[in-house]
Amino acid sequence: MAHGTFQLLRDQGASIIAIAIPRDSPKPPADVSEILRKDQVFLLERYFYFLQAQKETGLIVLDQTEKSDDRRLVRRIERYFEETVTGRHRAAYVVPSPFFVSSDMAYPVQAADICIYCINWGYRMPHRGMDAPTREEIATEFGDWIEDLEFYGTGRWHGKTFNVDGITYVPDLYESRRGT
């Protein structure tokens, strides 16, 4: 089934955008529990650059979880798009209000789940700091598919143009990138 899913994604011109974080990432400190984590902001950033390149507007579709958790996430996402300059800018292409679906009822979410599973267990980017152990059979079977489908593009911010990778490793969810 996974091979067929990757084949279908390639045939339809799909791109993978994902953020990888360490399995042992700590829970958020209490003072940041109402803002988006760095990995979530990076995911929205890459989605924005993908949509901008396509000159299309995109929806955020998420796998439904516990209702109270989903509500908290909606508040954080909406706050990001409403209260930050960057978020307001990105709302030009990303509809700022996500909606949730049950993955067992939505094939695109199931396809995303397969991609996430294969990235989680079989795709590494040692040159970007992602070097956790893999399940070799998943890396062998699906690593090339993931590389072929990964979004690569350019971003532009404050007059500067830069390359954007669709799969990014974020080793620390709360540390600032400034000064590194």
C-alpha atoms as a PDB file:
ATOM      1  CA  MET A   1       0.000   0.000   0.000  1.00  0.00           C
ATOM      2  CA  ALA A   2       2.794   2.468   0.857  1.00  0.00           C
ATOM      3  CA  HIS A   3       4.479   1.977  -2.541  1.00  0.00           C
ATOM      4  CA  GLY A   4       1.197   2.702  -4.294  1.00  0.00           C
ATOM      5  CA  THR A   5       0.676   5.796  -2.155  1.00  0.00           C
ATOM      6  CA  PHE A   6       4.107   7.217  -3.005  1.00  0.00           C
ATOM      7  CA  GLN A   7       3.574   6.396  -6.691  1.00  0.00           C
ATOM      8  CA  LEU A   8       0.208   8.184  -6.656  1.00  0.00           C
ATOM      9  CA  LEU A   9       1.692  11.209  -4.904  1.00  0.00           C
ATOM     10  CA  ARG A  10       4.454  11.446  -7.499  1.00  0.00           C
ATOM     11  CA  ASP A  11       2.044  10.958 -10.403  1.00  0.00           C
ATOM     12  CA  GLN A  12      -0.146  13.776  -9.069  1.00  0.00           C
ATOM     13  CA  GLY A  13       2.768  16.193  -8.582  1.00  0.00           C
ATOM     14  CA  ALA A  14       2.572  16.198  -4.791  1.00  0.00           C
ATOM     15  CA  SER A  15       5.300  17.684  -2.614  1.00  0.00           C
ATOM     16  CA  ILE A  16       6.299  16.757   0.908  1.00  0.00           C
ATOM     17  CA  ILE A  17       6.702  19.459   3.522  1.00  0.00           C
ATOM     18  CA  ALA A  18       7.565  18.164   6.983  1.00  0.00           C
ATOM     19  CA  ILE A  19       9.343  19.185  10.143  1.00  0.00           C
ATOM     20  CA  ALA A  20      11.259  16.551  12.078  1.00  0.00           C
ATOM     21  CA  ILE A  21      11.855  16.915  15.801  1.00  0.00           C
ATOM     22  CA  PRO A  22      13.699  14.666  18.266  1.00  0.00           C
ATOM     23  CA  ARG A  23      11.594  11.912  19.802  1.00  0.00           C
ATOM     24  CA  ASP A  24      12.533  13.079  23.290  1.00  0.00           C
ATOM     25  CA  SER A  25      11.560  16.738  22.802  1.00  0.00           C
ATOM     26  CA  PRO A  26      10.524  18.290  26.098  1.00  0.00           C
ATOM     27  CA  LYS A  27       7.039  19.571  26.859  1.00  0.00           C
ATOM     28  CA  PRO A  28       6.649  23.322  26.411  1.00  0.00           C
ATOM     29  CA  PRO A  29       7.426  25.630  29.294  1.00  0.00           C
ATOM     30  CA  ALA A  30       4.269  27.074  30.837  1.00  0.00           C
ATOM     31  CA  ASP A  31       5.016  30.586  29.591  1.00  0.00           C
ATOM     32  CA  VAL A  32       4.874  29.488  25.911  1.00  0.00           C
ATOM     33  CA  SER A  33       1.958  27.058  25.998  1.00  0.00           C
ATOM     34  CA  GLU A  34      -0.311  29.498  24.126  1.00  0.00           C
ATOM     35  CA  ILE A  35       2.019  30.181  21.188  1.00  0.00           C
ATOM     36  CA  LEU A  36       2.999  27.993  18.256  1.00  0.00           C
ATOM     37  CA  ARG A  37       6.143  25.946  18.678  1.00  0.00           C
ATOM     38  CA  LYS A  38       9.083  26.658  16.398  1.00  0.00           C
ATOM     39  CA  ASP A  39       8.476  23.485  14.357  1.00  0.00           C
ATOM     40  CA  GLN A  40       4.860  24.503  13.710  1.00  0.00           C
ATOM     41  CA  VAL A  41       5.921  27.981  12.573  1.00  0.00           C
ATOM     42  CA  PHE A  42       8.569  26.463  10.277  1.00  0.00           C
ATOM     43  CA  LEU A  43       5.951  24.133   8.776  1.00  0.00           C
ATOM     44  CA  LEU A  44       3.625  27.067   8.064  1.00  0.00           C
ATOM     45  CA  GLU A  45       6.579  28.992   6.629  1.00  0.00           C
ATOM     46  CA  ARG A  46       7.428  26.254   4.158  1.00  0.00           C
ATOM     47  CA  TYR A  47       3.769  25.789   3.249  1.00  0.00           C
ATOM     48  CA  PHE A  48       3.550  29.533   2.582  1.00  0.00           C
ATOM     49  CA  TYR A  49       6.593  29.447   0.259  1.00  0.00           C
ATOM     50  CA  PHE A  50       5.167  26.430  -1.560  1.00  0.00           C
ATOM     51  CA  LEU A  51       1.819  28.175  -2.061  1.00  0.00           C
ATOM     52  CA  GLN A  52       3.478  31.453  -3.020  1.00  0.00           C
ATOM     53  CA  ALA A  53       5.469  29.679  -5.761  1.00  0.00           C
ATOM     54  CA  GLN A  54       2.248  28.095  -7.053  1.00  0.00           C
ATOM     55  CA  LYS A  55       0.339  31.376  -6.668  1.00  0.00           C
ATOM     56  CA  GLU A  56      -2.400  29.454  -4.870  1.00  0.00           C
ATOM     57  CA  THR A  57      -4.225  29.682  -1.570  1.00  0.00           C
ATOM     58  CA  GLY A  58      -4.020  26.666   0.725  1.00  0.00           C
ATOM     59  CA  LEU A  59      -5.996  25.169   3.575  1.00  0.00           C
ATOM     60  CA  ILE A  60      -4.612  23.652   6.741  1.00  0.00           C
ATOM     61  CA  VAL A  61      -6.146  20.211   7.196  1.00  0.00           C
ATOM     62  CA  LEU A  62      -5.222  18.364  10.372  1.00  0.00           C
ATOM     63  CA  ASP A  63      -5.868  14.910  11.746  1.00  0.00           C
ATOM     64  CA  GLN A  64      -8.566  15.159  14.381  1.00  0.00           C
ATOM     65  CA  THR A  65      -7.489  14.391  17.939  1.00  0.00           C
ATOM     66  CA  GLU A  66      -9.022  15.227  21.300  1.00  0.00           C
ATOM     67  CA  LYS A  67     -11.419  18.180  20.864  1.00  0.00           C
ATOM     68  CA  SER A  68      -9.885  20.229  23.660  1.00  0.00           C
ATOM     69  CA  ASP A  69      -6.391  19.765  22.146  1.00  0.00           C
ATOM     70  CA  ASP A  70      -7.716  20.707  18.709  1.00  0.00           C
ATOM     71  CA  ARG A  71      -9.307  23.874  20.114  1.00  0.00           C
ATOM     72  CA  ARG A  72      -6.054  24.899  21.797  1.00  0.00           C
ATOM     73  CA  LEU A  73      -4.166  24.381  18.545  1.00  0.00           C
ATOM     74  CA  VAL A  74      -6.736  26.418  16.599  1.00  0.00           C
ATOM     75  CA  ARG A  75      -6.325  29.273  19.086  1.00  0.00           C
ATOM     76  CA  ARG A  76      -2.525  29.153  18.727  1.00  0.00           C
ATOM     77  CA  ILE A  77      -2.691  29.082  14.923  1.00  0.00           C
ATOM     78  CA  GLU A  78      -5.247  31.871  14.725  1.00  0.00           C
ATOM     79  CA  ARG A  79      -3.249  33.955  17.209  1.00  0.00           C
ATOM     80  CA  TYR A  80      -0.136  33.485  15.051  1.00  0.00           C
ATOM     81  CA  PHE A  81      -1.938  34.658  11.900  1.00  0.00           C
ATOM     82  CA  GLU A  82      -3.706  37.558  13.626  1.00  0.00           C
ATOM     83  CA  GLU A  83      -1.112  38.884  16.060  1.00  0.00           C
ATOM     84  CA  THR A  84       2.230  38.536  14.311  1.00  0.00           C
ATOM     85  CA  VAL A  85       3.488  40.514  11.344  1.00  0.00           C
ATOM     86  CA  THR A  86       4.828  37.343   9.759  1.00  0.00           C
ATOM     87  CA  GLY A  87       1.547  35.516  10.282  1.00  0.00           C
ATOM     88  CA  ARG A  88      -0.491  38.346   8.767  1.00  0.00           C
ATOM     89  CA  HIS A  89       1.854  38.346   5.762  1.00  0.00           C
ATOM     90  CA  ARG A  90       1.535  34.583   5.302  1.00  0.00           C
ATOM     91  CA  ALA A  91      -2.257  34.736   5.534  1.00  0.00           C
ATOM     92  CA  ALA A  92      -2.127  36.055   1.968  1.00  0.00           C
ATOM     93  CA  TYR A  93      -1.691  32.423   0.853  1.00  0.00           C
ATOM     94  CA  VAL A  94      -2.560  30.261   3.875  1.00  0.00           C
ATOM     95  CA  VAL A  95      -6.153  30.270   5.119  1.00  0.00           C
ATOM     96  CA  PRO A  96      -5.536  30.987   8.806  1.00  0.00           C
ATOM     97  CA  SER A  97      -8.280  28.813  10.241  1.00  0.00           C
ATOM     98  CA  PRO A  98      -7.520  25.079  10.143  1.00  0.00           C
ATOM     99  CA  PHE A  99     -10.078  22.346  10.017  1.00  0.00           C
ATOM    100  CA  PHE A 100      -9.913  18.803  11.304  1.00  0.00           C
ATOM    101  CA  VAL A 101     -10.863  15.501   9.729  1.00  0.00           C
ATOM    102  CA  SER A 102     -10.799  11.949  10.963  1.00  0.00           C
ATOM    103  CA  SER A 103      -7.928  10.222   9.183  1.00  0.00           C
ATOM    104  CA  ASP A 104      -9.889   7.027   8.692  1.00  0.00           C
ATOM    105  CA  MET A 105     -12.354   9.046   6.584  1.00  0.00           C
ATOM    106  CA  ALA A 106      -9.873  11.096   4.515  1.00  0.00           C
ATOM    107  CA  TYR A 107      -7.441   9.479   2.084  1.00  0.00           C
ATOM    108  CA  PRO A 108      -5.176  12.546   1.823  1.00  0.00           C
ATOM    109  CA  VAL A 109      -4.628  12.484   5.596  1.00  0.00           C
ATOM    110  CA  GLN A 110      -3.865   8.764   5.400  1.00  0.00           C
ATOM    111  CA  ALA A 111      -1.312   9.486   2.647  1.00  0.00           C
ATOM    112  CA  ALA A 112       0.250  12.162   4.870  1.00  0.00           C
ATOM    113  CA  ASP A 113       0.366   9.659   7.746  1.00  0.00           C
ATOM    114  CA  ILE A 114       2.287   7.197   5.546  1.00  0.00           C
ATOM    115  CA  CYS A 115       4.772   9.900   4.553  1.00  0.00           C
ATOM    116  CA  ILE A 116       5.211  10.981   8.170  1.00  0.00           C
ATOM    117  CA  TYR A 117       5.765   7.390   9.297  1.00  0.00           C
ATOM    118  CA  CYS A 118       8.416   6.826   6.619  1.00  0.00           C
ATOM    119  CA  ILE A 119      10.181  10.106   7.442  1.00  0.00           C
ATOM    120  CA  ASN A 120      10.043   9.308  11.159  1.00  0.00           C
ATOM    121  CA  TRP A 121      11.514   5.833  10.833  1.00  0.00           C
ATOM    122  CA  GLY A 122      13.491   5.828   7.606  1.00  0.00           C
ATOM    123  CA  TYR A 123      14.670   9.231   6.483  1.00  0.00           C
ATOM    124  CA  ARG A 124      17.666  11.052   7.893  1.00  0.00           C
ATOM    125  CA  MET A 125      19.592  14.159   6.978  1.00  0.00           C
ATOM    126  CA  PRO A 126      22.917  13.895   8.835  1.00  0.00           C
ATOM    127  CA  HIS A 127      24.181  17.024   7.044  1.00  0.00           C
ATOM    128  CA  ARG A 128      21.285  18.918   8.679  1.00  0.00           C
ATOM    129  CA  GLY A 129      21.791  17.390  12.147  1.00  0.00           C
ATOM    130  CA  MET A 130      19.178  14.638  11.892  1.00  0.00           C
ATOM    131  CA  ASP A 131      21.024  11.447  12.724  1.00  0.00           C
ATOM    132  CA  ALA A 132      18.768   9.268  14.915  1.00  0.00           C
ATOM    133  CA  PRO A 133      18.729   5.541  14.151  1.00  0.00           C
ATOM    134  CA  THR A 134      16.421   4.314  11.391  1.00  0.00           C
ATOM    135  CA  ARG A 135      14.616   1.147  10.507  1.00  0.00           C
ATOM    136  CA  GLU A 136      16.801   0.101   7.595  1.00  0.00           C
ATOM    137  CA  GLU A 137      14.007  -1.575   5.638  1.00  0.00           C
ATOM    138  CA  ILE A 138      11.988   1.657   5.632  1.00  0.00           C
ATOM    139  CA  ALA A 139      15.025   3.779   4.755  1.00  0.00           C
ATOM    140  CA  THR A 140      15.858   1.469   1.845  1.00  0.00           C
ATOM    141  CA  GLU A 141      12.299   1.198   0.526  1.00  0.00           C
ATOM    142  CA  PHE A 142      11.153   4.796   0.892  1.00  0.00           C
ATOM    143  CA  GLY A 143      14.156   7.121   1.268  1.00  0.00           C
ATOM    144  CA  ASP A 144      14.400   7.803  -2.465  1.00  0.00           C
ATOM    145  CA  TRP A 145      10.644   8.414  -2.726  1.00  0.00           C
ATOM    146  CA  ILE A 146      10.835  10.981   0.061  1.00  0.00           C
ATOM    147  CA  GLU A 147      13.803  12.747  -1.546  1.00  0.00           C
ATOM    148  CA  ASP A 148      11.988  12.865  -4.890  1.00  0.00           C
ATOM    149  CA  LEU A 149       8.827  14.326  -3.341  1.00  0.00           C
ATOM    150  CA  GLU A 150      10.479  16.806  -0.963  1.00  0.00           C
ATOM    151  CA  PHE A 151       9.603  20.414  -1.755  1.00  0.00           C
ATOM    152  CA  TYR A 152      12.535  22.611  -2.699  1.00  0.00           C
ATOM    153  CA  GLY A 153      11.960  26.256  -3.392  1.00  0.00           C
ATOM    154  CA  THR A 154      12.975  29.780  -2.602  1.00  0.00           C
ATOM    155  CA  GLY A 155      11.780  32.176   0.009  1.00  0.00           C
ATOM    156  CA  ARG A 156      11.921  35.918   0.103  1.00  0.00           C
ATOM    157  CA  TRP A 157      11.831  37.953   3.286  1.00  0.00           C
ATOM    158  CA  HIS A 158      12.927  41.528   3.925  1.00  0.00           C
ATOM    159  CA  GLY A 159      14.456  41.770   0.446  1.00  0.00           C
ATOM    160  CA  LYS A 160      16.568  38.635   0.812  1.00  0.00           C
ATOM    161  CA  THR A 161      16.074  35.495  -1.272  1.00  0.00           C
ATOM    162  CA  PHE A 162      17.085  32.111   0.135  1.00  0.00           C
ATOM    163  CA  ASN A 163      16.657  28.397  -0.532  1.00  0.00           C
ATOM    164  CA  VAL A 164      13.925  26.522   1.315  1.00  0.00           C
ATOM    165  CA  ASP A 165      13.996  22.788   2.019  1.00  0.00           C
ATOM    166  CA  GLY A 166      10.654  21.054   2.442  1.00  0.00           C
ATOM    167  CA  ILE A 167      11.911  18.763   5.205  1.00  0.00           C
ATOM    168  CA  THR A 168      13.603  20.501   8.099  1.00  0.00           C
ATOM    169  CA  TYR A 169      15.036  19.210  11.337  1.00  0.00           C
ATOM    170  CA  VAL A 170      14.368  21.301  14.444  1.00  0.00           C
ATOM    171  CA  PRO A 171      16.486  19.982  17.331  1.00  0.00           C
ATOM    172  CA  ASP A 172      15.073  22.363  19.941  1.00  0.00           C
ATOM    173  CA  LEU A 173      11.466  23.520  19.842  1.00  0.00           C
ATOM    174  CA  TYR A 174      11.901  26.625  21.978  1.00  0.00           C
ATOM    175  CA  GLU A 175      15.425  27.961  21.480  1.00  0.00           C
ATOM    176  CA  SER A 176      15.812  31.005  19.260  1.00  0.00           C
ATOM    177  CA  ARG A 177      17.820  30.737  16.045  1.00  0.00           C
ATOM    178  CA  ARG A 178      19.358  34.140  16.679  1.00  0.00           C
ATOM    179  CA  GLY A 179      23.066  34.100  17.267  1.00  0.00           C
ATOM    180  CA  THR A 180      23.594  30.689  15.685  1.00  0.00           C
END
